[in-house]
Amino acid sequence: MTTASRLPDPYGSSGSGANLADILERVLDKGIVIAGDIRINLLDIELLTIKLRLIVASIDKAKEMGIDWWEDDPALSSGARRRELAEENERLQNRIAELESASRTADRPAVRTRDRPKRRTREERKESE
């Protein structure tokens, strides 16, 4: 009787390797950085440079490394969106106040200088006394 030869298991369930969940947990816990540059030159003239940086890490690990750009992105953070709206609201209110102030000044009748009595200098006052 022939026995079928056992083929190696492609998923590493033989106990010697880690499963995908363990690998993912390690990567997220430690973090991994993949960096690369692409440059396209023609006759020693640089036409295009693309810099690629990929960081795979958990949010806690990213914050540990000082990476927290998503907290300030209005598309990704509701707190950032509220801050952006509050700043825009303040700018608009300031602009309205400026326009109203300018409108009030423009509505006042202008006092012409020739209608005002001329201020006399000290010498003129002394001469008249």
C-alpha atoms as a PDB file:
ATOM      1  CA  MET A   1       0.000   0.000   0.000  1.00  0.00           C
ATOM      2  CA  THR A   2       1.313   3.410  -0.951  1.00  0.00           C
ATOM      3  CA  THR A   3       1.246   6.250   1.491  1.00  0.00           C
ATOM      4  CA  ALA A   4       0.761   9.715   0.174  1.00  0.00           C
ATOM      5  CA  SER A   5       3.644  12.011   0.876  1.00  0.00           C
ATOM      6  CA  ARG A   6       2.709  14.999   2.961  1.00  0.00           C
ATOM      7  CA  LEU A   7       3.165  18.353   1.220  1.00  0.00           C
ATOM      8  CA  PRO A   8       4.297  21.333   3.268  1.00  0.00           C
ATOM      9  CA  ASP A   9       1.415  23.389   4.598  1.00  0.00           C
ATOM     10  CA  PRO A  10       1.472  26.844   2.910  1.00  0.00           C
ATOM     11  CA  TYR A  11      -0.064  28.581   5.957  1.00  0.00           C
ATOM     12  CA  GLY A  12       2.582  27.553   8.450  1.00  0.00           C
ATOM     13  CA  SER A  13       0.275  25.541  10.692  1.00  0.00           C
ATOM     14  CA  SER A  14       3.070  23.067  11.309  1.00  0.00           C
ATOM     15  CA  GLY A  15       3.778  24.869  14.593  1.00  0.00           C
ATOM     16  CA  SER A  16       7.212  26.204  13.629  1.00  0.00           C
ATOM     17  CA  GLY A  17       6.058  29.510  12.176  1.00  0.00           C
ATOM     18  CA  ALA A  18       3.879  32.273  13.554  1.00  0.00           C
ATOM     19  CA  ASN A  19       0.431  32.735  12.141  1.00  0.00           C
ATOM     20  CA  LEU A  20      -0.674  35.932  10.411  1.00  0.00           C
ATOM     21  CA  ALA A  21      -2.337  37.373  13.509  1.00  0.00           C
ATOM     22  CA  ASP A  22       0.897  37.047  15.503  1.00  0.00           C
ATOM     23  CA  ILE A  23       2.913  38.699  12.747  1.00  0.00           C
ATOM     24  CA  LEU A  24       0.424  41.542  12.441  1.00  0.00           C
ATOM     25  CA  GLU A  25       0.410  42.027  16.217  1.00  0.00           C
ATOM     26  CA  ARG A  26       4.217  42.239  16.260  1.00  0.00           C
ATOM     27  CA  VAL A  27       4.324  44.698  13.370  1.00  0.00           C
ATOM     28  CA  LEU A  28       1.684  46.946  14.920  1.00  0.00           C
ATOM     29  CA  ASP A  29       3.358  46.763  18.331  1.00  0.00           C
ATOM     30  CA  LYS A  30       6.846  47.602  17.076  1.00  0.00           C
ATOM     31  CA  GLY A  31       5.997  49.520  13.926  1.00  0.00           C
ATOM     32  CA  ILE A  32       7.654  49.215  10.550  1.00  0.00           C
ATOM     33  CA  VAL A  33       8.890  51.903   8.192  1.00  0.00           C
ATOM     34  CA  ILE A  34       9.292  51.436   4.464  1.00  0.00           C
ATOM     35  CA  ALA A  35      11.026  54.293   2.676  1.00  0.00           C
ATOM     36  CA  GLY A  36      12.050  54.815  -0.906  1.00  0.00           C
ATOM     37  CA  ASP A  37      12.817  57.480  -3.466  1.00  0.00           C
ATOM     38  CA  ILE A  38      12.120  57.424  -7.176  1.00  0.00           C
ATOM     39  CA  ARG A  39      14.074  59.816  -9.363  1.00  0.00           C
ATOM     40  CA  ILE A  40      13.691  60.240 -13.082  1.00  0.00           C
ATOM     41  CA  ASN A  41      16.590  61.952 -14.836  1.00  0.00           C
ATOM     42  CA  LEU A  42      17.147  62.742 -18.470  1.00  0.00           C
ATOM     43  CA  LEU A  43      20.674  63.720 -19.506  1.00  0.00           C
ATOM     44  CA  ASP A  44      21.595  64.518 -15.883  1.00  0.00           C
ATOM     45  CA  ILE A  45      18.544  66.788 -15.534  1.00  0.00           C
ATOM     46  CA  GLU A  46      16.211  65.779 -12.752  1.00  0.00           C
ATOM     47  CA  LEU A  47      12.697  65.670 -14.148  1.00  0.00           C
ATOM     48  CA  LEU A  48      10.785  64.073 -11.304  1.00  0.00           C
ATOM     49  CA  THR A  49      11.417  63.019  -7.709  1.00  0.00           C
ATOM     50  CA  ILE A  50       8.924  61.013  -5.722  1.00  0.00           C
ATOM     51  CA  LYS A  51       9.600  60.310  -2.062  1.00  0.00           C
ATOM     52  CA  LEU A  52       7.609  57.468  -0.564  1.00  0.00           C
ATOM     53  CA  ARG A  53       7.331  56.833   3.155  1.00  0.00           C
ATOM     54  CA  LEU A  54       5.083  54.140   4.577  1.00  0.00           C
ATOM     55  CA  ILE A  55       4.690  53.605   8.300  1.00  0.00           C
ATOM     56  CA  VAL A  56       2.667  50.699   9.605  1.00  0.00           C
ATOM     57  CA  ALA A  57       2.068  50.883  13.346  1.00  0.00           C
ATOM     58  CA  SER A  58      -0.699  50.953  15.914  1.00  0.00           C
ATOM     59  CA  ILE A  59      -2.143  54.331  16.886  1.00  0.00           C
ATOM     60  CA  ASP A  60      -0.532  54.102  20.314  1.00  0.00           C
ATOM     61  CA  LYS A  61       2.887  53.357  18.813  1.00  0.00           C
ATOM     62  CA  ALA A  62       2.473  56.164  16.248  1.00  0.00           C
ATOM     63  CA  LYS A  63       1.656  58.649  19.022  1.00  0.00           C
ATOM     64  CA  GLU A  64       4.711  57.391  20.923  1.00  0.00           C
ATOM     65  CA  MET A  65       6.795  58.222  17.856  1.00  0.00           C
ATOM     66  CA  GLY A  66       5.221  61.687  17.654  1.00  0.00           C
ATOM     67  CA  ILE A  67       3.032  60.969  14.659  1.00  0.00           C
ATOM     68  CA  ASP A  68      -0.490  62.321  15.127  1.00  0.00           C
ATOM     69  CA  TRP A  69      -1.348  64.178  11.908  1.00  0.00           C
ATOM     70  CA  TRP A  70      -4.811  62.595  11.709  1.00  0.00           C
ATOM     71  CA  GLU A  71      -5.868  64.489  14.856  1.00  0.00           C
ATOM     72  CA  ASP A  72      -5.555  67.813  12.987  1.00  0.00           C
ATOM     73  CA  ASP A  73      -7.073  66.666   9.700  1.00  0.00           C
ATOM     74  CA  PRO A  74     -10.710  67.831   9.476  1.00  0.00           C
ATOM     75  CA  ALA A  75     -11.531  64.943   7.139  1.00  0.00           C
ATOM     76  CA  LEU A  76     -10.410  62.407   9.755  1.00  0.00           C
ATOM     77  CA  SER A  77     -11.152  64.047  13.104  1.00  0.00           C
ATOM     78  CA  SER A  78     -14.405  65.578  14.305  1.00  0.00           C
ATOM     79  CA  GLY A  79     -12.488  67.638  16.883  1.00  0.00           C
ATOM     80  CA  ALA A  80     -10.308  69.142  14.148  1.00  0.00           C
ATOM     81  CA  ARG A  81     -13.410  69.921  12.073  1.00  0.00           C
ATOM     82  CA  ARG A  82     -15.006  71.704  15.042  1.00  0.00           C
ATOM     83  CA  ARG A  83     -11.803  73.719  15.633  1.00  0.00           C
ATOM     84  CA  GLU A  84     -11.638  74.643  11.954  1.00  0.00           C
ATOM     85  CA  LEU A  85     -15.279  75.779  11.972  1.00  0.00           C
ATOM     86  CA  ALA A  86     -14.772  77.789  15.174  1.00  0.00           C
ATOM     87  CA  GLU A  87     -11.727  79.560  13.671  1.00  0.00           C
ATOM     88  CA  GLU A  88     -13.625  80.296  10.456  1.00  0.00           C
ATOM     89  CA  ASN A  89     -16.587  81.598  12.474  1.00  0.00           C
ATOM     90  CA  GLU A  90     -14.289  83.910  14.464  1.00  0.00           C
ATOM     91  CA  ARG A  91     -12.651  85.234  11.277  1.00  0.00           C
ATOM     92  CA  LEU A  92     -16.063  85.931   9.730  1.00  0.00           C
ATOM     93  CA  GLN A  93     -17.334  87.678  12.867  1.00  0.00           C
ATOM     94  CA  ASN A  94     -14.219  89.882  12.939  1.00  0.00           C
ATOM     95  CA  ARG A  95     -14.699  90.722   9.267  1.00  0.00           C
ATOM     96  CA  ILE A  96     -18.357  91.624   9.830  1.00  0.00           C
ATOM     97  CA  ALA A  97     -17.375  93.877  12.740  1.00  0.00           C
ATOM     98  CA  GLU A  98     -14.784  95.620  10.536  1.00  0.00           C
ATOM     99  CA  LEU A  99     -17.316  96.140   7.741  1.00  0.00           C
ATOM    100  CA  GLU A 100     -19.961  97.468  10.125  1.00  0.00           C
ATOM    101  CA  SER A 101     -17.434  99.846  11.657  1.00  0.00           C
ATOM    102  CA  ALA A 102     -16.401 101.086   8.212  1.00  0.00           C
ATOM    103  CA  SER A 103     -20.059 101.483   7.244  1.00  0.00           C
ATOM    104  CA  ARG A 104     -20.814 103.565  10.345  1.00  0.00           C
ATOM    105  CA  THR A 105     -17.846 105.846   9.619  1.00  0.00           C
ATOM    106  CA  ALA A 106     -18.937 106.257   5.999  1.00  0.00           C
ATOM    107  CA  ASP A 107     -22.505 107.157   7.066  1.00  0.00           C
ATOM    108  CA  ARG A 108     -21.390 110.027   9.315  1.00  0.00           C
ATOM    109  CA  PRO A 109     -21.388 113.443   7.690  1.00  0.00           C
ATOM    110  CA  ALA A 110     -17.874 114.537   7.047  1.00  0.00           C
ATOM    111  CA  VAL A 111     -16.816 117.666   8.903  1.00  0.00           C
ATOM    112  CA  ARG A 112     -15.077 119.972   6.504  1.00  0.00           C
ATOM    113  CA  THR A 113     -11.976 121.661   7.782  1.00  0.00           C
ATOM    114  CA  ARG A 114     -12.956 125.060   6.409  1.00  0.00           C
ATOM    115  CA  ASP A 115     -16.127 125.019   8.577  1.00  0.00           C
ATOM    116  CA  ARG A 116     -14.073 124.564  11.740  1.00  0.00           C
ATOM    117  CA  PRO A 117     -12.498 127.575  13.394  1.00  0.00           C
ATOM    118  CA  LYS A 118      -8.771 127.673  12.895  1.00  0.00           C
ATOM    119  CA  ARG A 119      -6.711 126.914  15.958  1.00  0.00           C
ATOM    120  CA  ARG A 120      -4.349 129.672  16.812  1.00  0.00           C
ATOM    121  CA  THR A 121      -0.764 129.088  17.732  1.00  0.00           C
ATOM    122  CA  ARG A 122       0.748 130.399  20.968  1.00  0.00           C
ATOM    123  CA  GLU A 123       2.436 133.223  19.119  1.00  0.00           C
ATOM    124  CA  GLU A 124      -0.840 134.315  17.559  1.00  0.00           C
ATOM    125  CA  ARG A 125      -2.569 134.265  20.948  1.00  0.00           C
ATOM    126  CA  LYS A 126       0.211 136.298  22.549  1.00  0.00           C
ATOM    127  CA  GLU A 127       0.070 138.825  19.721  1.00  0.00           C
ATOM    128  CA  SER A 128      -3.673 139.273  20.090  1.00  0.00           C
ATOM    129  CA  GLU A 129      -3.441 139.884  23.864  1.00  0.00           C
END
